[in-house]
Structures are given as structure tokens and as C-alpha cells.
C-alpha atoms as a PDB file:
ATOM      1  CA  MET A   1      -0.266   0.003  -0.314  1.00  0.00           C
ATOM      2  CA  ARG A   2       1.476   3.234  -0.717  1.00  0.00           C
ATOM      3  CA  ASN A   3       2.038   5.904   1.600  1.00  0.00           C
ATOM      4  CA  ILE A   4       0.127   8.540   1.660  1.00  0.00           C
ATOM      5  CA  ILE A   5      -1.077  11.677   3.979  1.00  0.00           C
ATOM      6  CA  ASN A   6      -4.646  10.364   6.144  1.00  0.00           C
ATOM      7  CA  GLU A   7      -7.783  12.535   5.082  1.00  0.00           C
ATOM      8  CA  ASN A   8      -8.087  13.453   8.885  1.00  0.00           C
ATOM      9  CA  GLN A   9      -4.524  15.224   8.669  1.00  0.00           C
ATOM     10  CA  ILE A  10      -5.432  17.741   5.967  1.00  0.00           C
ATOM     11  CA  GLU A  11      -7.345  20.896   7.318  1.00  0.00           C
ATOM     12  CA  ILE A  12     -10.727  21.631   6.233  1.00  0.00           C
ATOM     13  CA  ASN A  13      -9.377  24.641   3.843  1.00  0.00           C
ATOM     14  CA  ALA A  14      -6.579  22.463   2.531  1.00  0.00           C
ATOM     15  CA  MET A  15      -8.966  19.799   1.551  1.00  0.00           C
ATOM     16  CA  ARG A  16     -11.287  22.027  -0.478  1.00  0.00           C
ATOM     17  CA  SER A  17      -8.206  23.151  -2.340  1.00  0.00           C
ATOM     18  CA  ILE A  18      -7.317  19.711  -3.099  1.00  0.00           C
ATOM     19  CA  GLU A  19     -11.262  19.004  -4.270  1.00  0.00           C
ATOM     20  CA  ASN A  20     -11.163  22.087  -6.267  1.00  0.00           C
ATOM     21  CA  PHE A  21      -8.112  21.533  -8.076  1.00  0.00           C
ATOM     22  CA  HIS A  22      -9.183  21.094 -11.702  1.00  0.00           C
ATOM     23  CA  PRO A  23     -11.863  18.756 -10.898  1.00  0.00           C
ATOM     24  CA  ASN A  24     -13.015  18.852 -14.370  1.00  0.00           C
ATOM     25  CA  ILE A  25     -10.170  17.106 -15.707  1.00  0.00           C
ATOM     26  CA  VAL A  26     -10.253  13.983 -13.275  1.00  0.00           C
ATOM     27  CA  VAL A  27     -14.030  13.855 -14.435  1.00  0.00           C
ATOM     28  CA  GLU A  28     -13.167  13.732 -17.696  1.00  0.00           C
ATOM     29  CA  VAL A  29     -10.376  10.940 -17.238  1.00  0.00           C
ATOM     30  CA  ASN A  30     -12.547   9.281 -14.823  1.00  0.00           C
ATOM     31  CA  LYS A  31     -15.266   8.998 -17.747  1.00  0.00           C
ATOM     32  CA  ALA A  32     -13.091   8.369 -20.204  1.00  0.00           C
ATOM     33  CA  ILE A  33     -11.801   4.981 -18.106  1.00  0.00           C
ATOM     34  CA  SER A  34     -15.401   3.847 -17.246  1.00  0.00           C
ATOM     35  CA  GLU A  35     -16.268   3.770 -21.214  1.00  0.00           C
ATOM     36  CA  HIS A  36     -12.940   2.476 -22.950  1.00  0.00           C
ATOM     37  CA  GLU A  37     -11.179  -0.877 -22.222  1.00  0.00           C
ATOM     38  CA  TRP A  38      -7.880   1.090 -22.927  1.00  0.00           C
ATOM     39  CA  VAL A  39      -7.252   5.013 -21.992  1.00  0.00           C
ATOM     40  CA  ILE A  40      -3.647   6.569 -22.369  1.00  0.00           C
ATOM     41  CA  VAL A  41      -3.599   9.632 -20.681  1.00  0.00           C
ATOM     42  CA  GLY A  42      -0.532  11.761 -22.093  1.00  0.00           C
ATOM     43  CA  MET A  43       0.905  14.731 -23.140  1.00  0.00           C
ATOM     44  CA  ARG A  44       2.654  16.382 -26.343  1.00  0.00           C
ATOM     45  CA  GLN A  45       6.486  16.173 -27.112  1.00  0.00           C
ATOM     46  CA  ASN A  46       6.571  13.335 -24.790  1.00  0.00           C
ATOM     47  CA  PRO A  47       8.600  10.504 -25.915  1.00  0.00           C
ATOM     48  CA  VAL A  48       7.550   7.849 -23.699  1.00  0.00           C
ATOM     49  CA  VAL A  49       3.641   8.695 -24.407  1.00  0.00           C
ATOM     50  CA  LYS A  50       4.202   8.504 -28.163  1.00  0.00           C
ATOM     51  CA  ASN A  51       5.970   4.756 -27.320  1.00  0.00           C
ATOM     52  CA  ALA A  52       2.884   3.706 -25.502  1.00  0.00           C
ATOM     53  CA  ARG A  53       0.692   5.007 -28.517  1.00  0.00           C
ATOM     54  CA  LYS A  54       2.676   2.943 -31.109  1.00  0.00           C
ATOM     55  CA  TYR A  55       2.549  -0.232 -28.964  1.00  0.00           C
ATOM     56  CA  PHE A  56      -0.904  -0.333 -28.846  1.00  0.00           C
ATOM     57  CA  SER A  57      -1.183   0.629 -32.520  1.00  0.00           C
ATOM     58  CA  ASP A  58       1.374  -1.951 -33.689  1.00  0.00           C
ATOM     59  CA  LYS A  59      -0.684  -4.645 -31.783  1.00  0.00           C
ATOM     60  CA  GLY A  60      -3.875  -3.531 -33.187  1.00  0.00           C
ATOM     61  CA  ILE A  61      -5.162  -2.978 -30.201  1.00  0.00           C
ATOM     62  CA  PRO A  62      -7.704   0.111 -29.640  1.00  0.00           C
ATOM     63  CA  PHE A  63      -7.564   2.414 -27.134  1.00  0.00           C
ATOM     64  CA  HIS A  64      -8.758   5.908 -26.234  1.00  0.00           C
ATOM     65  CA  TYR A  65      -6.346   8.744 -25.992  1.00  0.00           C
ATOM     66  CA  ILE A  66      -6.410  11.883 -23.771  1.00  0.00           C
ATOM     67  CA  GLU A  67      -3.603  14.645 -24.208  1.00  0.00           C
ATOM     68  CA  TYR A  68      -3.081  17.772 -21.998  1.00  0.00           C
ATOM     69  CA  GLY A  69      -0.663  20.003 -22.999  1.00  0.00           C
ATOM     70  CA  SER A  70       3.036  19.662 -23.065  1.00  0.00           C
ATOM     71  CA  TYR A  71       6.126  20.596 -21.776  1.00  0.00           C
ATOM     72  CA  PHE A  72       5.365  24.177 -21.927  1.00  0.00           C
ATOM     73  CA  SER A  73       1.741  23.966 -21.125  1.00  0.00           C
ATOM     74  CA  GLN A  74      -1.151  22.794 -18.696  1.00  0.00           C
ATOM     75  CA  TRP A  75       0.780  21.465 -16.324  1.00  0.00           C
ATOM     76  CA  LYS A  76      -1.314  22.238 -13.515  1.00  0.00           C
ATOM     77  CA  PRO A  77      -4.025  19.767 -15.024  1.00  0.00           C
ATOM     78  CA  ARG A  78      -1.495  16.925 -15.222  1.00  0.00           C
ATOM     79  CA  LEU A  79      -0.764  17.452 -12.070  1.00  0.00           C
ATOM     80  CA  ALA A  80      -4.190  17.084 -10.791  1.00  0.00           C
ATOM     81  CA  ILE A  81      -4.401  13.976 -12.598  1.00  0.00           C
ATOM     82  CA  LYS A  82      -0.981  12.835 -10.791  1.00  0.00           C
ATOM     83  CA  LEU A  83      -2.873  14.076  -7.402  1.00  0.00           C
ATOM     84  CA  TRP A  84      -5.612  11.654  -8.287  1.00  0.00           C
ATOM     85  CA  SER A  85      -4.055   8.710  -9.475  1.00  0.00           C
ATOM     86  CA  GLY A  86      -0.973   8.780  -7.613  1.00  0.00           C
ATOM     87  CA  TRP A  87       1.530   7.999 -10.531  1.00  0.00           C
ATOM     88  CA  PRO A  88       3.881  10.396 -10.989  1.00  0.00           C
ATOM     89  CA  THR A  89       4.663  10.440 -14.665  1.00  0.00           C
ATOM     90  CA  PHE A  90       3.014  10.336 -18.174  1.00  0.00           C
ATOM     91  CA  PRO A  91       1.650   8.301 -19.874  1.00  0.00           C
ATOM     92  CA  GLN A  92      -0.950   6.819 -17.464  1.00  0.00           C
ATOM     93  CA  ILE A  93      -2.290   3.620 -18.672  1.00  0.00           C
ATOM     94  CA  PHE A  94      -5.683   2.381 -17.662  1.00  0.00           C
ATOM     95  CA  HIS A  95      -7.080  -1.373 -18.239  1.00  0.00           C
ATOM     96  CA  LYS A  96     -10.407  -1.711 -17.844  1.00  0.00           C
ATOM     97  CA  ALA A  97     -10.951   1.522 -15.114  1.00  0.00           C
ATOM     98  CA  LYS A  98      -7.667   0.069 -13.494  1.00  0.00           C
ATOM     99  CA  LEU A  99      -4.273   1.802 -13.384  1.00  0.00           C
ATOM    100  CA  VAL A 100      -1.529  -0.237 -15.269  1.00  0.00           C
ATOM    101  CA  GLY A 101       1.119   2.205 -15.135  1.00  0.00           C
ATOM    102  CA  GLY A 102       3.245   3.669 -17.608  1.00  0.00           C
ATOM    103  CA  TYR A 103       5.054   2.434 -20.608  1.00  0.00           C
ATOM    104  CA  ALA A 104       7.293   0.190 -18.647  1.00  0.00           C
ATOM    105  CA  GLU A 105       4.442  -1.623 -16.539  1.00  0.00           C
ATOM    106  CA  LEU A 106       2.379  -1.921 -19.748  1.00  0.00           C
ATOM    107  CA  LYS A 107       5.098  -4.330 -21.383  1.00  0.00           C
ATOM    108  CA  ASN A 108       4.820  -6.186 -18.413  1.00  0.00           C
ATOM    109  CA  TYR A 109       1.581  -6.048 -17.899  1.00  0.00           C
ATOM    110  CA  ASN A 110      -0.528  -9.554 -18.191  1.00  0.00           C
ATOM    111  CA  PRO A 111      -4.074  -8.591 -18.405  1.00  0.00           C
ATOM    112  CA  PRO A 112      -6.447 -10.792 -16.402  1.00  0.00           C
ATOM    113  CA  SER A 113      -8.078 -13.239 -18.587  1.00  0.00           C
ATOM    114  CA  ASN A 114     -11.828 -13.159 -18.058  1.00  0.00           C
END
């Protein structure tokens, strides 16, 4: 289990600020992962994001891609996603609404058989 601060250790005004930090972005990502089997959340100019997208394309696996800015823009919306997911980098890859991780974790991922 990852070590994160307990909510009862966060002052109410700080909690409100956290809850109101780009909530529309979190809603958008949550909606996408509930509607698509595979979702990649990424950013322009990031070669690792490009590699992840190429991985899916090469394997013929359909995926939904959401892009938030580049190294020069939209860092706050990306930070909101990182705070929400707990994953520190992009891409953030989801399978059946579960965080797989990034590109390295994707290459070692064995999807559960249903």
C-alpha cells in the first residue's frame, strides 16, 4: 500500500483546495476510463507517451487517448491527474478502469483473463 497522508491529517481548507484543483479534468479522465477498455493519458512532445501509443497501434489494440498540453503548457491539469491517480509520470495507462502504470509497466502487464 502506498504511503499517503490520511485525510484526517489535512486541514478542511486544504482539503477544499485539493478537491477544487481542476476537478473537471479528473471527471473527464474518470469518464474515459469507465467508457473505454484501454485509456492512455498523455501529453505532447513526450517520447514515452508516443511509444505507448505506438505499442497499442502495432498490436492492433484499440485505445482512447487523452492529451493534456506539452512540456510548456497545461502542467496544472496534469498535476491534478497525478494527484488523483498517485502515478507520478505520463503516460498513465488504464485497463478496464484500473491503473496499469506507465509504458514500462504496460510492457510487463499480463491482463487478467475473463
